[in-house]
């Protein structure tokens, strides 16, 4: 009985190890590399805009990509 169990386990292990893996063949996914000239930057250019009124310095965040203010004017501390 013990010999039969060892023989069955050995056959099972050998048959599992003998299986080949077919996933190693390359698959054409249709992916193409993009040139750096094809890349468009989508990040907005947001910086502070400053002005002086009666010797008081004001600032606000301004979106230079869309040419519109993001915040209201605030006094600089």
PDB file of N, CA and C in Angstrom:
ATOM      1  N   UNK A   1       0.821  -1.187   0.000  1.00  0.00           N
ATOM      2  CA  UNK A   1       0.000   0.000   0.000  1.00  0.00           C
ATOM      3  C   UNK A   1       0.865   1.250   0.000  1.00  0.00           C
ATOM      4  N   UNK A   2       1.952   1.222   0.785  1.00  0.00           N
ATOM      5  CA  UNK A   2       2.842   2.379   0.866  1.00  0.00           C
ATOM      6  C   UNK A   2       3.583   2.589  -0.451  1.00  0.00           C
ATOM      7  N   UNK A   3       4.006   1.476  -1.081  1.00  0.00           N
ATOM      8  CA  UNK A   3       4.702   1.585  -2.353  1.00  0.00           C
ATOM      9  C   UNK A   3       3.775   2.147  -3.433  1.00  0.00           C
ATOM     10  N   UNK A   4       2.519   1.747  -3.407  1.00  0.00           N
ATOM     11  CA  UNK A   4       1.560   2.219  -4.401  1.00  0.00           C
ATOM     12  C   UNK A   4       1.341   3.732  -4.254  1.00  0.00           C
ATOM     13  N   UNK A   5       1.255   4.219  -3.019  1.00  0.00           N
ATOM     14  CA  UNK A   5       1.082   5.651  -2.765  1.00  0.00           C
ATOM     15  C   UNK A   5       2.294   6.438  -3.271  1.00  0.00           C
ATOM     16  N   UNK A   6       3.481   5.955  -3.023  1.00  0.00           N
ATOM     17  CA  UNK A   6       4.705   6.630  -3.467  1.00  0.00           C
ATOM     18  C   UNK A   6       4.770   6.644  -4.994  1.00  0.00           C
ATOM     19  N   UNK A   7       4.388   5.546  -5.638  1.00  0.00           N
ATOM     20  CA  UNK A   7       4.413   5.467  -7.095  1.00  0.00           C
ATOM     21  C   UNK A   7       3.397   6.448  -7.685  1.00  0.00           C
ATOM     22  N   UNK A   8       2.209   6.544  -7.100  1.00  0.00           N
ATOM     23  CA  UNK A   8       1.185   7.470  -7.609  1.00  0.00           C
ATOM     24  C   UNK A   8       1.626   8.921  -7.442  1.00  0.00           C
ATOM     25  N   UNK A   9       2.234   9.242  -6.293  1.00  0.00           N
ATOM     26  CA  UNK A   9       2.729  10.609  -6.082  1.00  0.00           C
ATOM     27  C   UNK A   9       3.842  10.950  -7.056  1.00  0.00           C
ATOM     28  N   UNK A  10       4.727  10.000  -7.314  1.00  0.00           N
ATOM     29  CA  UNK A  10       5.828  10.232  -8.246  1.00  0.00           C
ATOM     30  C   UNK A  10       5.291  10.453  -9.657  1.00  0.00           C
ATOM     31  N   UNK A  11       4.331   9.663 -10.070  1.00  0.00           N
ATOM     32  CA  UNK A  11       3.740   9.827 -11.399  1.00  0.00           C
ATOM     33  C   UNK A  11       3.048  11.182 -11.512  1.00  0.00           C
ATOM     34  N   UNK A  12       2.346  11.591 -10.469  1.00  0.00           N
ATOM     35  CA  UNK A  12       1.659  12.878 -10.495  1.00  0.00           C
ATOM     36  C   UNK A  12       2.656  14.033 -10.591  1.00  0.00           C
ATOM     37  N   UNK A  13       3.740  13.965  -9.813  1.00  0.00           N
ATOM     38  CA  UNK A  13       4.742  15.034  -9.850  1.00  0.00           C
ATOM     39  C   UNK A  13       5.459  15.097 -11.189  1.00  0.00           C
ATOM     40  N   UNK A  14       5.779  13.970 -11.751  1.00  0.00           N
ATOM     41  CA  UNK A  14       6.462  13.939 -13.040  1.00  0.00           C
ATOM     42  C   UNK A  14       5.550  14.474 -14.140  1.00  0.00           C
ATOM     43  N   UNK A  15       4.281  14.114 -14.102  1.00  0.00           N
ATOM     44  CA  UNK A  15       3.378  14.583 -15.148  1.00  0.00           C
ATOM     45  C   UNK A  15       3.131  16.088 -15.038  1.00  0.00           C
ATOM     46  N   UNK A  16       3.103  16.637 -13.822  1.00  0.00           N
ATOM     47  CA  UNK A  16       2.936  18.076 -13.661  1.00  0.00           C
ATOM     48  C   UNK A  16       4.179  18.839 -14.119  1.00  0.00           C
ATOM     49  N   UNK A  17       5.355  18.296 -13.861  1.00  0.00           N
ATOM     50  CA  UNK A  17       6.594  18.945 -14.279  1.00  0.00           C
ATOM     51  C   UNK A  17       6.826  18.853 -15.780  1.00  0.00           C
ATOM     52  N   UNK A  18       6.243  17.874 -16.428  1.00  0.00           N
ATOM     53  CA  UNK A  18       6.471  17.671 -17.854  1.00  0.00           C
ATOM     54  C   UNK A  18       5.611  18.589 -18.716  1.00  0.00           C
ATOM     55  N   UNK A  19       4.616  19.257 -18.121  1.00  0.00           N
ATOM     56  CA  UNK A  19       3.756  20.149 -18.902  1.00  0.00           C
ATOM     57  C   UNK A  19       4.545  21.362 -19.359  1.00  0.00           C
ATOM     58  N   UNK A  20       4.371  21.746 -20.598  1.00  0.00           N
ATOM     59  CA  UNK A  20       5.085  22.911 -21.112  1.00  0.00           C
ATOM     60  C   UNK A  20       4.192  24.145 -21.010  1.00  0.00           C
ATOM     61  N   UNK A  21       4.812  25.281 -20.935  1.00  0.00           N
ATOM     62  CA  UNK A  21       4.083  26.534 -20.815  1.00  0.00           C
ATOM     63  C   UNK A  21       4.007  27.169 -22.195  1.00  0.00           C
ATOM     64  N   UNK A  22       2.806  27.431 -22.662  1.00  0.00           N
ATOM     65  CA  UNK A  22       2.604  28.001 -23.983  1.00  0.00           C
ATOM     66  C   UNK A  22       2.492  29.510 -23.939  1.00  0.00           C
ATOM     67  N   UNK A  23       2.532  30.115 -22.779  1.00  0.00           N
ATOM     68  CA  UNK A  23       2.381  31.561 -22.651  1.00  0.00           C
ATOM     69  C   UNK A  23       3.644  32.326 -23.018  1.00  0.00           C
ATOM     70  N   UNK A  24       4.712  31.620 -23.321  1.00  0.00           N
ATOM     71  CA  UNK A  24       5.963  32.300 -23.636  1.00  0.00           C
ATOM     72  C   UNK A  24       5.996  32.861 -25.057  1.00  0.00           C
ATOM     73  N   UNK A  25       5.020  32.497 -25.889  1.00  0.00           N
ATOM     74  CA  UNK A  25       4.999  33.034 -27.247  1.00  0.00           C
ATOM     75  C   UNK A  25       4.512  34.473 -27.220  1.00  0.00           C
ATOM     76  N   UNK A  26       5.133  35.380 -27.981  1.00  0.00           N
ATOM     77  CA  UNK A  26       4.725  36.782 -27.955  1.00  0.00           C
ATOM     78  C   UNK A  26       3.351  36.978 -28.587  1.00  0.00           C
ATOM     79  N   UNK A  27       2.617  37.921 -28.030  1.00  0.00           N
ATOM     80  CA  UNK A  27       1.281  38.232 -28.512  1.00  0.00           C
ATOM     81  C   UNK A  27       1.298  39.651 -29.061  1.00  0.00           C
ATOM     82  N   UNK A  28       0.775  39.859 -30.256  1.00  0.00           N
ATOM     83  CA  UNK A  28       0.711  41.183 -30.845  1.00  0.00           C
ATOM     84  C   UNK A  28      -0.501  41.905 -30.268  1.00  0.00           C
ATOM     85  N   UNK A  29      -0.255  42.886 -29.392  1.00  0.00           N
ATOM     86  CA  UNK A  29      -1.350  43.589 -28.728  1.00  0.00           C
ATOM     87  C   UNK A  29      -1.770  44.840 -29.476  1.00  0.00           C
ATOM     88  N   UNK A  30      -1.087  45.209 -30.542  1.00  0.00           N
ATOM     89  CA  UNK A  30      -1.442  46.399 -31.292  1.00  0.00           C
ATOM     90  C   UNK A  30      -0.881  47.668 -30.667  1.00  0.00           C
ATOM     91  N   UNK A  31      -0.006  47.542 -29.697  1.00  0.00           N
ATOM     92  CA  UNK A  31       0.577  48.700 -29.021  1.00  0.00           C
ATOM     93  C   UNK A  31       1.694  49.290 -29.868  1.00  0.00           C
ATOM     94  N   UNK A  32       1.645  50.583 -30.083  1.00  0.00           N
ATOM     95  CA  UNK A  32       2.721  51.263 -30.786  1.00  0.00           C
ATOM     96  C   UNK A  32       3.276  52.358 -29.899  1.00  0.00           C
ATOM     97  N   UNK A  33       4.563  52.566 -29.968  1.00  0.00           N
ATOM     98  CA  UNK A  33       5.195  53.590 -29.151  1.00  0.00           C
ATOM     99  C   UNK A  33       4.945  54.970 -29.747  1.00  0.00           C
ATOM    100  N   UNK A  34       4.715  55.938 -28.868  1.00  0.00           N
ATOM    101  CA  UNK A  34       4.453  57.306 -29.313  1.00  0.00           C
ATOM    102  C   UNK A  34       5.749  58.099 -29.309  1.00  0.00           C
ATOM    103  N   UNK A  35       5.874  58.990 -30.253  1.00  0.00           N
ATOM    104  CA  UNK A  35       7.016  59.895 -30.270  1.00  0.00           C
ATOM    105  C   UNK A  35       6.797  60.982 -29.232  1.00  0.00           C
ATOM    106  N   UNK A  36       7.867  61.592 -28.769  1.00  0.00           N
ATOM    107  CA  UNK A  36       7.719  62.656 -27.785  1.00  0.00           C
ATOM    108  C   UNK A  36       7.037  63.877 -28.384  1.00  0.00           C
ATOM    109  N   UNK A  37       7.067  64.029 -29.691  1.00  0.00           N
ATOM    110  CA  UNK A  37       6.387  65.151 -30.327  1.00  0.00           C
ATOM    111  C   UNK A  37       4.869  64.952 -30.348  1.00  0.00           C
ATOM    112  N   UNK A  38       4.402  63.699 -30.154  1.00  0.00           N
ATOM    113  CA  UNK A  38       2.970  63.416 -30.137  1.00  0.00           C
ATOM    114  C   UNK A  38       2.336  63.707 -28.779  1.00  0.00           C
ATOM    115  N   UNK A  39       3.154  63.935 -27.753  1.00  0.00           N
ATOM    116  CA  UNK A  39       2.652  64.128 -26.402  1.00  0.00           C
ATOM    117  C   UNK A  39       2.254  65.587 -26.209  1.00  0.00           C
ATOM    118  N   UNK A  40       1.033  65.787 -25.705  1.00  0.00           N
ATOM    119  CA  UNK A  40       0.517  67.129 -25.454  1.00  0.00           C
ATOM    120  C   UNK A  40       0.372  67.305 -23.949  1.00  0.00           C
ATOM    121  N   UNK A  41       0.954  68.346 -23.419  1.00  0.00           N
ATOM    122  CA  UNK A  41       0.873  68.601 -21.987  1.00  0.00           C
ATOM    123  C   UNK A  41      -0.516  69.134 -21.655  1.00  0.00           C
ATOM    124  N   UNK A  42      -1.177  68.533 -20.671  1.00  0.00           N
ATOM    125  CA  UNK A  42      -2.538  68.911 -20.329  1.00  0.00           C
ATOM    126  C   UNK A  42      -2.615  69.629 -18.990  1.00  0.00           C
ATOM    127  N   UNK A  43      -1.506  69.902 -18.387  1.00  0.00           N
ATOM    128  CA  UNK A  43      -1.476  70.565 -17.094  1.00  0.00           C
ATOM    129  C   UNK A  43      -1.649  72.070 -17.283  1.00  0.00           C
ATOM    130  N   UNK A  44      -2.520  72.675 -16.465  1.00  0.00           N
ATOM    131  CA  UNK A  44      -2.733  74.118 -16.539  1.00  0.00           C
ATOM    132  C   UNK A  44      -1.550  74.863 -15.940  1.00  0.00           C
ATOM    133  N   UNK A  45      -1.274  76.032 -16.502  1.00  0.00           N
ATOM    134  CA  UNK A  45      -0.206  76.900 -16.009  1.00  0.00           C
ATOM    135  C   UNK A  45      -0.824  77.888 -15.013  1.00  0.00           C
ATOM    136  N   UNK A  46      -0.751  77.547 -13.716  1.00  0.00           N
ATOM    137  CA  UNK A  46      -1.348  78.377 -12.668  1.00  0.00           C
ATOM    138  C   UNK A  46      -0.228  78.985 -11.835  1.00  0.00           C
ATOM    139  N   UNK A  47      -0.194  80.332 -11.842  1.00  0.00           N
ATOM    140  CA  UNK A  47       0.813  81.072 -11.076  1.00  0.00           C
ATOM    141  C   UNK A  47       0.151  82.269 -10.410  1.00  0.00           C
ATOM    142  N   UNK A  48       0.913  82.892  -9.491  1.00  0.00           N
ATOM    143  CA  UNK A  48       0.404  84.094  -8.845  1.00  0.00           C
ATOM    144  C   UNK A  48       0.541  85.295  -9.765  1.00  0.00           C
ATOM    145  N   UNK A  49      -0.436  86.185  -9.660  1.00  0.00           N
ATOM    146  CA  UNK A  49      -0.419  87.461 -10.366  1.00  0.00           C
ATOM    147  C   UNK A  49      -0.431  88.541  -9.281  1.00  0.00           C
ATOM    148  N   UNK A  50       0.403  89.558  -9.442  1.00  0.00           N
ATOM    149  CA  UNK A  50       0.567  90.581  -8.404  1.00  0.00           C
ATOM    150  C   UNK A  50       0.141  91.945  -8.929  1.00  0.00           C
ATOM    151  N   UNK A  51      -0.304  92.805  -7.995  1.00  0.00           N
ATOM    152  CA  UNK A  51      -0.574  94.198  -8.324  1.00  0.00           C
ATOM    153  C   UNK A  51      -0.372  95.025  -7.056  1.00  0.00           C
ATOM    154  N   UNK A  52      -0.083  96.299  -7.239  1.00  0.00           N
ATOM    155  CA  UNK A  52       0.113  97.225  -6.126  1.00  0.00           C
ATOM    156  C   UNK A  52      -0.928  98.334  -6.246  1.00  0.00           C
ATOM    157  N   UNK A  53      -1.689  98.535  -5.169  1.00  0.00           N
ATOM    158  CA  UNK A  53      -2.689  99.603  -5.105  1.00  0.00           C
ATOM    159  C   UNK A  53      -2.463 100.350  -3.796  1.00  0.00           C
ATOM    160  N   UNK A  54      -2.156 101.677  -3.899  1.00  0.00           N
ATOM    161  CA  UNK A  54      -1.885 102.519  -2.729  1.00  0.00           C
ATOM    162  C   UNK A  54      -0.798 101.917  -1.837  1.00  0.00           C
ATOM    163  N   UNK A  55       0.282 101.476  -2.461  1.00  0.00           N
ATOM    164  CA  UNK A  55       1.426 100.880  -1.763  1.00  0.00           C
ATOM    165  C   UNK A  55       1.071  99.620  -0.965  1.00  0.00           C
ATOM    166  N   UNK A  56       0.030  98.944  -1.363  1.00  0.00           N
ATOM    167  CA  UNK A  56      -0.356  97.658  -0.761  1.00  0.00           C
ATOM    168  C   UNK A  56      -0.252  96.601  -1.855  1.00  0.00           C
ATOM    169  N   UNK A  57       0.466  95.532  -1.544  1.00  0.00           N
ATOM    170  CA  UNK A  57       0.693  94.467  -2.514  1.00  0.00           C
ATOM    171  C   UNK A  57      -0.430  93.433  -2.431  1.00  0.00           C
ATOM    172  N   UNK A  58      -1.054  93.151  -3.576  1.00  0.00           N
ATOM    173  CA  UNK A  58      -2.111  92.147  -3.681  1.00  0.00           C
ATOM    174  C   UNK A  58      -1.631  91.014  -4.585  1.00  0.00           C
ATOM    175  N   UNK A  59      -2.211  89.832  -4.367  1.00  0.00           N
ATOM    176  CA  UNK A  59      -1.905  88.699  -5.243  1.00  0.00           C
ATOM    177  C   UNK A  59      -3.157  87.861  -5.427  1.00  0.00           C
ATOM    178  N   UNK A  60      -3.172  87.102  -6.504  1.00  0.00           N
ATOM    179  CA  UNK A  60      -4.222  86.115  -6.762  1.00  0.00           C
ATOM    180  C   UNK A  60      -3.658  85.027  -7.650  1.00  0.00           C
ATOM    181  N   UNK A  61      -4.263  83.852  -7.569  1.00  0.00           N
ATOM    182  CA  UNK A  61      -3.876  82.769  -8.463  1.00  0.00           C
ATOM    183  C   UNK A  61      -4.547  82.985  -9.807  1.00  0.00           C
ATOM    184  N   UNK A  62      -3.762  82.822 -10.861  1.00  0.00           N
ATOM    185  CA  UNK A  62      -4.257  83.084 -12.216  1.00  0.00           C
ATOM    186  C   UNK A  62      -3.892  81.905 -13.104  1.00  0.00           C
ATOM    187  N   UNK A  63      -4.854  81.455 -13.880  1.00  0.00           N
ATOM    188  CA  UNK A  63      -4.645  80.364 -14.822  1.00  0.00           C
ATOM    189  C   UNK A  63      -4.250  80.971 -16.167  1.00  0.00           C
ATOM    190  N   UNK A  64      -2.968  80.910 -16.486  1.00  0.00           N
ATOM    191  CA  UNK A  64      -2.467  81.495 -17.734  1.00  0.00           C
ATOM    192  C   UNK A  64      -2.818  80.646 -18.955  1.00  0.00           C
ATOM    193  N   UNK A  65      -3.192  79.403 -18.759  1.00  0.00           N
ATOM    194  CA  UNK A  65      -3.604  78.561 -19.883  1.00  0.00           C
ATOM    195  C   UNK A  65      -4.983  78.967 -20.390  1.00  0.00           C
ATOM    196  N   UNK A  66      -5.861  79.319 -19.479  1.00  0.00           N
ATOM    197  CA  UNK A  66      -7.232  79.687 -19.841  1.00  0.00           C
ATOM    198  C   UNK A  66      -7.484  81.187 -19.774  1.00  0.00           C
ATOM    199  N   UNK A  67      -6.488  81.941 -19.316  1.00  0.00           N
ATOM    200  CA  UNK A  67      -6.596  83.393 -19.168  1.00  0.00           C
ATOM    201  C   UNK A  67      -7.777  83.793 -18.282  1.00  0.00           C
ATOM    202  N   UNK A  68      -7.842  83.174 -17.109  1.00  0.00           N
ATOM    203  CA  UNK A  68      -8.901  83.506 -16.159  1.00  0.00           C
ATOM    204  C   UNK A  68      -8.368  83.373 -14.727  1.00  0.00           C
ATOM    205  N   UNK A  69      -8.845  84.218 -13.817  1.00  0.00           N
ATOM    206  CA  UNK A  69      -8.396  84.128 -12.428  1.00  0.00           C
ATOM    207  C   UNK A  69      -8.986  82.906 -11.731  1.00  0.00           C
ATOM    208  N   UNK A  70      -8.203  82.363 -10.814  1.00  0.00           N
ATOM    209  CA  UNK A  70      -8.646  81.204 -10.045  1.00  0.00           C
ATOM    210  C   UNK A  70      -9.188  81.661  -8.692  1.00  0.00           C
ATOM    211  N   UNK A  71      -8.541  82.658  -8.078  1.00  0.00           N
ATOM    212  CA  UNK A  71      -8.969  83.176  -6.776  1.00  0.00           C
ATOM    213  C   UNK A  71      -9.177  84.681  -6.877  1.00  0.00           C
ATOM    214  N   UNK A  72      -9.720  85.243  -5.809  1.00  0.00           N
ATOM    215  CA  UNK A  72      -9.881  86.699  -5.720  1.00  0.00           C
ATOM    216  C   UNK A  72      -8.567  87.317  -5.240  1.00  0.00           C
ATOM    217  N   UNK A  73      -8.484  88.644  -5.356  1.00  0.00           N
ATOM    218  CA  UNK A  73      -7.300  89.346  -4.886  1.00  0.00           C
ATOM    219  C   UNK A  73      -7.236  89.263  -3.367  1.00  0.00           C
ATOM    220  N   UNK A  74      -6.047  89.060  -2.841  1.00  0.00           N
ATOM    221  CA  UNK A  74      -5.819  89.033  -1.401  1.00  0.00           C
ATOM    222  C   UNK A  74      -4.594  89.866  -1.066  1.00  0.00           C
ATOM    223  N   UNK A  75      -4.584  90.440   0.125  1.00  0.00           N
ATOM    224  CA  UNK A  75      -3.462  91.255   0.562  1.00  0.00           C
ATOM    225  C   UNK A  75      -2.315  90.335   0.956  1.00  0.00           C
ATOM    226  N   UNK A  76      -1.136  90.691   0.484  1.00  0.00           N
ATOM    227  CA  UNK A  76       0.059  89.917   0.842  1.00  0.00           C
ATOM    228  C   UNK A  76       0.411  90.183   2.296  1.00  0.00           C
ATOM    229  N   UNK A  77       0.701  89.161   3.035  1.00  0.00           N
ATOM    230  CA  UNK A  77       1.084  89.354   4.454  1.00  0.00           C
ATOM    231  C   UNK A  77       2.456  89.958   4.609  1.00  0.00           C
TER     232      UNK A  77
END
